[in-house]
């Protein structure tokens, strides 16, 4: 089973390396090429998440202490994927087209000495700056929301593990109580049987004594 998990890890390493390389190229792409590359990366994320599900199932089937070790490795891989997803969002926010448009706008506007054109240039530049700030704020909000969701999921996972261990302890306690009850019942049955046997023996002894006394007197 460990060999199968190891093969999953090798596949995971290959896929995450490919994702990292594609994310690194996205900011330098433009237009439809960039959109297609983003879609390719999103498909790779879907495949990686399916692979993580298989790894999680395999880890839970490991015996004894190996189960905890493999489950912890799966959690670390999940966090790695979350970081890569954040990098993808960051790469999408950093639009190379935005910089190109801004440079083009500056070059075109500065070619004319018209006061109106300079005013429009300043206004457009300010709008671009405000748009950039809004994008940065939106990106930070996405990151904070994702981190909060991750923390909540981790807490829920820990609570579920605690509840699972509690149920297992209760189940073991019920089994032990059932065994103890059967043992006590068997002991009580033996005590009653011994008392009956002792009573019968006493009656036999008393009868024998009475018989001897009767014939001795006679």
Protein backbone atom coordinates (compact mmCIF):
# COMPACT_ATOMS: atom_id res chain seq x y z
CA UNK A 1 0.00 0.00 0.00
CA UNK A 2 2.88 2.36 0.75
CA UNK A 3 4.22 1.78 -2.79
CA UNK A 4 0.90 2.93 -4.26
CA UNK A 5 0.96 6.05 -2.10
CA UNK A 6 4.52 6.70 -3.26
CA UNK A 7 3.43 6.54 -6.90
CA UNK A 8 0.68 9.03 -6.11
CA UNK A 9 3.30 11.33 -4.59
CA UNK A 10 5.47 11.13 -7.71
CA UNK A 11 2.49 12.03 -9.90
CA UNK A 12 1.61 14.88 -7.54
CA UNK A 13 5.15 16.28 -7.78
CA UNK A 14 5.09 16.17 -11.58
CA UNK A 15 1.70 17.87 -11.83
CA UNK A 16 2.48 20.63 -9.31
CA UNK A 17 5.76 21.35 -11.10
CA UNK A 18 3.85 21.74 -14.35
CA UNK A 19 1.31 24.02 -12.66
CA UNK A 20 4.08 26.17 -11.18
CA UNK A 21 5.75 26.56 -14.57
CA UNK A 22 2.47 27.55 -16.28
CA UNK A 23 1.59 30.06 -13.55
CA UNK A 24 5.00 31.66 -13.97
CA UNK A 25 4.28 32.24 -17.69
CA UNK A 26 0.77 33.68 -17.28
CA UNK A 27 1.72 37.32 -16.39
CA UNK A 28 3.74 37.64 -19.60
CA UNK A 29 0.87 36.41 -21.84
CA UNK A 30 -1.87 38.51 -23.42
CA UNK A 31 -5.46 38.17 -24.58
CA UNK A 32 -6.80 34.79 -25.62
CA UNK A 33 -3.47 33.06 -25.09
CA UNK A 34 -3.55 34.07 -21.43
CA UNK A 35 -7.17 32.91 -21.02
CA UNK A 36 -6.39 29.52 -22.56
CA UNK A 37 -3.36 29.09 -20.30
CA UNK A 38 -5.47 29.94 -17.23
CA UNK A 39 -8.06 27.35 -18.27
CA UNK A 40 -5.32 24.73 -18.71
CA UNK A 41 -4.02 25.44 -15.23
CA UNK A 42 -7.53 25.23 -13.76
CA UNK A 43 -7.98 21.79 -15.37
CA UNK A 44 -4.69 20.69 -13.86
CA UNK A 45 -5.93 21.84 -10.45
CA UNK A 46 -9.03 19.67 -10.87
CA UNK A 47 -6.86 16.65 -11.68
CA UNK A 48 -4.56 17.36 -8.72
CA UNK A 49 -7.53 17.58 -6.34
CA UNK A 50 -8.85 14.24 -7.62
CA UNK A 51 -5.39 12.79 -7.03
CA UNK A 52 -5.39 14.18 -3.46
CA UNK A 53 -8.73 12.45 -2.82
CA UNK A 54 -7.18 9.14 -3.90
CA UNK A 55 -4.17 9.82 -1.69
CA UNK A 56 -6.42 10.60 1.28
CA UNK A 57 -8.35 7.33 0.83
CA UNK A 58 -5.08 5.40 0.55
CA UNK A 59 -3.67 7.12 3.66
CA UNK A 60 -6.74 6.22 5.74
CA UNK A 61 -6.28 2.55 4.86
CA UNK A 62 -2.72 2.47 6.21
CA UNK A 63 -2.21 0.40 9.41
CA UNK A 64 -1.38 1.77 12.85
CA UNK A 65 0.93 4.76 13.16
CA UNK A 66 1.47 4.86 9.37
CA UNK A 67 -2.08 6.16 8.98
CA UNK A 68 -1.31 9.36 10.92
CA UNK A 69 1.96 9.87 9.06
CA UNK A 70 0.39 9.55 5.61
CA UNK A 71 -2.65 11.66 6.55
CA UNK A 72 -0.34 14.47 7.68
CA UNK A 73 1.51 14.29 4.36
CA UNK A 74 -1.78 14.58 2.47
CA UNK A 75 -2.68 17.69 4.53
CA UNK A 76 0.66 19.28 3.67
CA UNK A 77 0.04 18.57 -0.04
CA UNK A 78 -3.42 20.15 0.22
CA UNK A 79 -1.87 23.30 1.69
CA UNK A 80 0.66 23.33 -1.15
CA UNK A 81 -2.18 23.22 -3.69
CA UNK A 82 -3.94 26.07 -1.87
CA UNK A 83 -0.79 28.19 -2.15
CA UNK A 84 -0.57 27.43 -5.86
CA UNK A 85 -4.21 28.50 -6.28
CA UNK A 86 -3.35 31.78 -4.58
CA UNK A 87 -0.42 32.22 -6.97
CA UNK A 88 -2.79 31.65 -9.92
CA UNK A 89 -5.15 34.33 -8.62
CA UNK A 90 -2.23 36.68 -8.17
CA UNK A 91 -1.01 35.98 -11.70
CA UNK A 92 -4.50 36.70 -13.07
CA UNK A 93 -4.70 39.96 -11.15
CA UNK A 94 -1.32 41.14 -12.48
CA UNK A 95 -2.56 41.85 -15.96
CA UNK A 96 0.30 42.39 -18.41
CA UNK A 97 -2.28 43.99 -20.74
CA UNK A 98 -2.89 46.68 -18.12
CA UNK A 99 0.76 47.75 -18.17
CA UNK A 100 0.88 47.64 -21.95
CA UNK A 101 -2.27 49.78 -22.26
CA UNK A 102 -0.95 52.24 -19.74
CA UNK A 103 2.37 52.61 -21.56
CA UNK A 104 0.58 52.99 -24.86
CA UNK A 105 -1.68 55.64 -23.38
CA UNK A 106 1.26 57.58 -21.94
CA UNK A 107 3.18 57.48 -25.22
CA UNK A 108 0.20 58.57 -27.30
CA UNK A 109 -0.78 61.38 -24.97
CA UNK A 110 2.69 62.82 -24.60
CA UNK A 111 3.11 63.14 -28.35
CA UNK A 112 0.81 66.13 -28.31
CA UNK A 113 1.39 69.38 -26.45
CA UNK A 114 -2.32 70.09 -26.11
CA UNK A 115 -3.41 71.05 -22.62
CA UNK A 116 -6.65 69.08 -23.04
CA UNK A 117 -4.75 65.95 -23.96
CA UNK A 118 -2.49 66.32 -20.92
CA UNK A 119 -5.58 66.71 -18.73
CA UNK A 120 -7.14 63.58 -20.22
CA UNK A 121 -3.86 61.78 -19.71
CA UNK A 122 -3.82 62.66 -16.01
CA UNK A 123 -7.46 61.64 -15.61
CA UNK A 124 -6.91 58.33 -17.38
CA UNK A 125 -3.78 57.68 -15.35
CA UNK A 126 -5.67 58.32 -12.12
CA UNK A 127 -8.45 55.99 -13.24
CA UNK A 128 -5.92 53.31 -14.02
CA UNK A 129 -4.31 53.78 -10.61
CA UNK A 130 -7.67 53.53 -8.89
CA UNK A 131 -8.49 50.39 -10.87
CA UNK A 132 -5.14 48.91 -9.88
CA UNK A 133 -5.78 49.72 -6.22
CA UNK A 134 -9.23 48.12 -6.39
CA UNK A 135 -7.73 45.01 -7.94
CA UNK A 136 -5.13 44.84 -5.18
CA UNK A 137 -7.82 45.30 -2.51
CA UNK A 138 -9.95 42.62 -4.14
CA UNK A 139 -7.00 40.26 -4.24
CA UNK A 140 -6.24 40.83 -0.56
CA UNK A 141 -9.88 40.20 0.33
CA UNK A 142 -9.84 36.95 -1.64
CA UNK A 143 -6.68 35.82 0.15
CA UNK A 144 -8.07 36.74 3.59
CA UNK A 145 -11.38 35.00 2.86
CA UNK A 146 -9.58 31.88 1.64
CA UNK A 147 -7.33 31.82 4.69
CA UNK A 148 -10.35 32.18 6.97
CA UNK A 149 -12.11 29.34 5.15
CA UNK A 150 -9.01 27.17 5.46
CA UNK A 151 -8.83 27.83 9.20
CA UNK A 152 -12.51 26.94 9.61
CA UNK A 153 -12.06 23.71 7.63
CA UNK A 154 -9.05 22.77 9.78
CA UNK A 155 -11.09 23.36 12.95
CA UNK A 156 -13.96 21.27 11.61
CA UNK A 157 -11.54 18.50 10.69
CA UNK A 158 -10.08 18.48 14.20
CA UNK A 159 -13.57 18.46 15.75
CA UNK A 160 -14.58 15.54 13.54
CA UNK A 161 -11.47 13.59 14.56
CA UNK A 162 -12.22 14.25 18.25
CA UNK A 163 -15.82 13.06 17.80
CA UNK A 164 -14.63 9.96 15.96
CA UNK A 165 -12.20 9.07 18.75
CA UNK A 166 -14.93 9.67 21.35
CA UNK A 167 -17.32 7.33 19.54
CA UNK A 168 -14.62 4.66 19.34
CA UNK A 169 -13.94 4.97 23.08
CA UNK A 170 -17.67 4.73 23.87
CA UNK A 171 -17.97 1.69 21.62
CA UNK A 172 -15.05 0.02 23.38
CA UNK A 173 -16.56 0.89 26.76
CA UNK A 174 -19.90 -0.69 25.77
CA UNK A 175 -18.09 -3.83 24.64
CA UNK A 176 -16.16 -4.02 27.91
CA UNK A 177 -19.34 -3.52 29.93
CA UNK A 178 -21.04 -6.28 27.97
CA UNK A 179 -18.14 -8.65 28.66
CA UNK A 180 -18.16 -7.73 32.37
CA UNK A 181 -21.91 -8.32 32.58
CA UNK A 182 -21.57 -11.78 31.02
CA UNK A 183 -18.72 -12.66 33.40
CA UNK A 184 -20.72 -11.54 36.47
CA UNK A 185 -23.75 -13.49 35.29
CA UNK A 186 -21.64 -16.63 34.89
CA UNK A 187 -20.10 -16.13 38.35
CA UNK A 188 -23.53 -15.69 39.97
CA UNK A 189 -24.73 -18.84 38.23
CA UNK A 190 -21.75 -20.78 39.60
CA UNK A 191 -22.34 -19.40 43.11
CA UNK A 192 -25.98 -20.50 43.02
CA UNK A 193 -24.98 -23.92 41.72
CA UNK A 194 -22.40 -24.29 44.50
CA UNK A 195 -24.97 -23.30 47.12
CA UNK A 196 -27.42 -25.88 45.81
CA UNK A 197 -24.74 -28.55 45.81
CA UNK A 198 -23.73 -27.63 49.38
CA UNK A 199 -27.36 -27.72 50.48
CA UNK A 200 -27.84 -31.17 48.94
CA UNK A 201 -24.62 -32.42 50.58
CA UNK A 202 -25.76 -31.03 53.96
CA UNK A 203 -29.12 -32.75 53.61
CA UNK A 204 -27.41 -36.03 52.75
CA UNK A 205 -25.06 -35.71 55.74
CA UNK A 206 -27.94 -34.83 58.08
CA UNK A 207 -29.95 -37.75 56.75
CA UNK A 208 -27.02 -40.11 57.25
CA UNK A 209 -26.48 -38.84 60.80
CA UNK A 210 -30.16 -39.23 61.58
CA UNK A 211 -30.17 -42.70 60.15
CA UNK A 212 -27.16 -43.73 62.26
CA UNK A 213 -28.66 -42.24 65.43
CA UNK A 214 -32.00 -43.91 64.82
CA UNK A 215 -30.49 -47.38 64.44
CA UNK A 216 -28.06 -46.85 67.31
CA UNK A 217 -30.91 -46.08 69.72
CA UNK A 218 -32.95 -48.88 68.40
